[in-house]
Amino acid sequence: MIGRLLPYPYKLVGLFLSLTGVGLLMVNFWYPLDIPSTTFAFYSSFLEEKYFTTIRNNLSDEIILILLVAGASLMVFSKEKVETEGISLIRGRALFRALLLNTFFVVMGILFIYGSGFIYVLVLNLVLLQWLYLLNLAYLRYRLKD
């Protein structure tokens, strides 16, 4: 698995993209960003259902999500500074724990969150697995050092 990972500098690019996405998310929360654009949509259901058409849309949400997903993905799929077989074993454990926790959160969301709040659970789930993996990996590496 070591040979299939991206080189370490991509982890730094991913960190930059993720931090930029988090910063823009906070700015967008307090001062809504408006990036109007005409974009192609396979499906749109704002006022009426439309298929394969162009729509006017605020792209700030899409840009923020792309930054968060791309940044987290680059960090997940990049090597550590010193990549060893021990780190590969830790990666497997971290992935298992992240999948387990993510499944728990999704099931709890399905059981206890309804309406438009469930949409937020789905959007959070776009990056939750990757962040849980990164947190578990950092925790297991920390425990290995002790």
Protein backbone atom coordinates (compact mmCIF):
# COMPACT_ATOMS: atom_id res chain seq x y z
CA MET A 1 0.00 0.00 0.00
CA ILE A 2 2.94 2.34 0.57
CA GLY A 3 3.68 2.61 -3.17
CA ARG A 4 0.11 3.65 -3.98
CA LEU A 5 0.04 6.77 -1.81
CA LEU A 6 0.72 10.29 -3.01
CA PRO A 7 4.03 11.93 -2.05
CA TYR A 8 4.16 13.77 1.29
CA PRO A 9 3.95 17.34 -0.15
CA TYR A 10 0.38 16.63 -1.24
CA LYS A 11 -0.52 16.34 2.45
CA LEU A 12 0.51 19.97 2.88
CA VAL A 13 -1.53 21.00 -0.16
CA GLY A 14 -4.49 19.12 1.31
CA LEU A 15 -4.03 20.88 4.65
CA PHE A 16 -3.99 24.26 2.89
CA LEU A 17 -7.14 23.42 0.91
CA SER A 18 -8.92 22.15 4.03
CA LEU A 19 -8.00 25.20 6.10
CA THR A 20 -9.10 27.47 3.26
CA GLY A 21 -12.41 25.58 3.08
CA VAL A 22 -12.93 25.83 6.85
CA GLY A 23 -12.11 29.55 6.77
CA LEU A 24 -14.53 30.19 3.92
CA LEU A 25 -17.15 28.09 5.72
CA MET A 26 -16.87 30.31 8.80
CA VAL A 27 -16.98 33.49 6.72
CA ASN A 28 -19.98 32.14 4.82
CA PHE A 29 -21.72 31.33 8.11
CA TRP A 30 -21.47 34.90 9.46
CA TYR A 31 -21.34 36.88 6.21
CA PRO A 32 -23.03 34.86 3.45
CA LEU A 33 -20.88 34.78 0.33
CA ASP A 34 -22.67 35.35 -2.94
CA ILE A 35 -20.98 33.95 -6.04
CA PRO A 36 -23.79 33.99 -8.62
CA SER A 37 -23.27 31.89 -11.70
CA THR A 38 -25.13 30.18 -14.48
CA THR A 39 -24.31 26.51 -14.29
CA PHE A 40 -25.37 23.29 -15.97
CA ALA A 41 -27.54 20.99 -13.84
CA PHE A 42 -28.50 17.38 -14.46
CA TYR A 43 -31.38 17.87 -12.05
CA SER A 44 -32.79 20.94 -10.29
CA SER A 45 -35.88 21.24 -8.10
CA PHE A 46 -35.95 24.78 -6.71
CA LEU A 47 -39.39 25.92 -7.83
CA GLU A 48 -40.04 23.24 -10.41
CA GLU A 49 -38.28 20.09 -11.50
CA LYS A 50 -35.87 20.59 -14.39
CA TYR A 51 -33.60 18.11 -16.11
CA PHE A 52 -30.44 18.80 -18.15
CA THR A 53 -30.70 22.56 -18.08
CA THR A 54 -28.79 25.64 -17.00
CA ILE A 55 -29.72 27.37 -13.76
CA ARG A 56 -28.69 30.47 -11.81
CA ASN A 57 -27.00 29.37 -8.62
CA ASN A 58 -24.82 30.65 -5.78
CA LEU A 59 -21.60 28.64 -6.10
CA SER A 60 -20.15 29.45 -2.67
CA ASP A 61 -21.45 26.23 -1.08
CA GLU A 62 -20.08 24.09 -3.90
CA ILE A 63 -16.66 25.78 -3.79
CA ILE A 64 -16.41 25.31 -0.02
CA LEU A 65 -17.39 21.64 -0.23
CA ILE A 66 -14.92 20.98 -3.05
CA LEU A 67 -12.14 22.57 -0.98
CA LEU A 68 -13.05 20.49 2.08
CA VAL A 69 -13.43 17.18 0.22
CA ALA A 70 -10.35 17.65 -1.97
CA GLY A 71 -8.22 18.81 0.96
CA ALA A 72 -9.26 15.94 3.22
CA SER A 73 -8.78 13.43 0.38
CA LEU A 74 -5.27 14.69 -0.35
CA MET A 75 -4.35 14.39 3.33
CA VAL A 76 -5.80 10.88 3.58
CA PHE A 77 -4.08 9.57 0.45
CA SER A 78 -0.65 11.12 1.08
CA LYS A 79 2.35 9.49 2.69
CA GLU A 80 3.72 10.54 6.05
CA LYS A 81 7.17 12.14 6.19
CA VAL A 82 8.55 8.76 7.21
CA GLU A 83 6.30 5.98 5.93
CA THR A 84 7.01 2.56 7.46
CA GLU A 85 5.24 -0.79 7.58
CA GLY A 86 4.12 0.11 11.10
CA ILE A 87 2.34 3.17 9.74
CA SER A 88 0.63 0.93 7.16
CA LEU A 89 -0.76 -1.24 9.97
CA ILE A 90 -1.89 1.86 11.84
CA ARG A 91 -3.59 3.11 8.65
CA GLY A 92 -5.65 -0.07 8.52
CA ARG A 93 -6.72 0.25 12.16
CA ALA A 94 -7.54 3.93 11.72
CA LEU A 95 -9.66 3.16 8.66
CA PHE A 96 -11.57 0.44 10.51
CA ARG A 97 -12.28 2.73 13.47
CA ALA A 98 -13.28 5.60 11.18
CA LEU A 99 -15.70 3.38 9.26
CA LEU A 100 -17.18 2.10 12.51
CA LEU A 101 -17.67 5.61 13.94
CA ASN A 102 -19.01 6.95 10.64
CA THR A 103 -21.53 4.12 10.44
CA PHE A 104 -22.64 4.88 14.00
CA PHE A 105 -23.14 8.58 13.18
CA VAL A 106 -25.08 7.79 10.00
CA VAL A 107 -27.38 5.32 11.78
CA MET A 108 -27.98 7.80 14.62
CA GLY A 109 -28.73 10.49 12.04
CA ILE A 110 -31.21 8.25 10.26
CA LEU A 111 -32.94 7.36 13.52
CA PHE A 112 -33.04 10.74 15.25
CA ILE A 113 -32.72 13.58 12.72
CA TYR A 114 -35.56 14.47 10.37
CA GLY A 115 -36.47 17.09 7.78
CA SER A 116 -33.94 19.56 6.48
CA GLY A 117 -31.60 18.72 9.37
CA PHE A 118 -31.04 15.34 7.74
CA ILE A 119 -29.65 17.13 4.67
CA TYR A 120 -26.99 18.64 6.96
CA VAL A 121 -26.15 15.14 8.19
CA LEU A 122 -25.69 14.01 4.58
CA VAL A 123 -23.48 17.00 3.77
CA LEU A 124 -21.42 16.43 6.92
CA ASN A 125 -21.02 12.81 5.88
CA LEU A 126 -19.19 13.95 2.74
CA VAL A 127 -16.12 14.78 4.83
CA LEU A 128 -16.79 13.02 8.14
CA LEU A 129 -15.22 9.69 7.19
CA GLN A 130 -12.02 11.34 6.02
CA TRP A 131 -11.72 13.52 9.12
CA LEU A 132 -12.46 10.60 11.44
CA TYR A 133 -9.74 8.63 9.67
CA LEU A 134 -7.23 11.46 10.04
CA LEU A 135 -8.07 11.91 13.73
CA ASN A 136 -7.79 8.17 14.39
CA LEU A 137 -4.51 7.99 12.49
CA ALA A 138 -3.07 10.87 14.53
CA TYR A 139 -4.29 9.30 17.79
CA LEU A 140 -2.84 5.86 16.96
CA ARG A 141 0.48 7.39 15.87
CA TYR A 142 0.59 9.32 19.15
CA ARG A 143 -0.09 6.12 21.12
CA LEU A 144 2.64 4.31 19.16
CA LYS A 145 5.21 6.91 20.23
CA ASP A 146 4.45 6.33 23.94
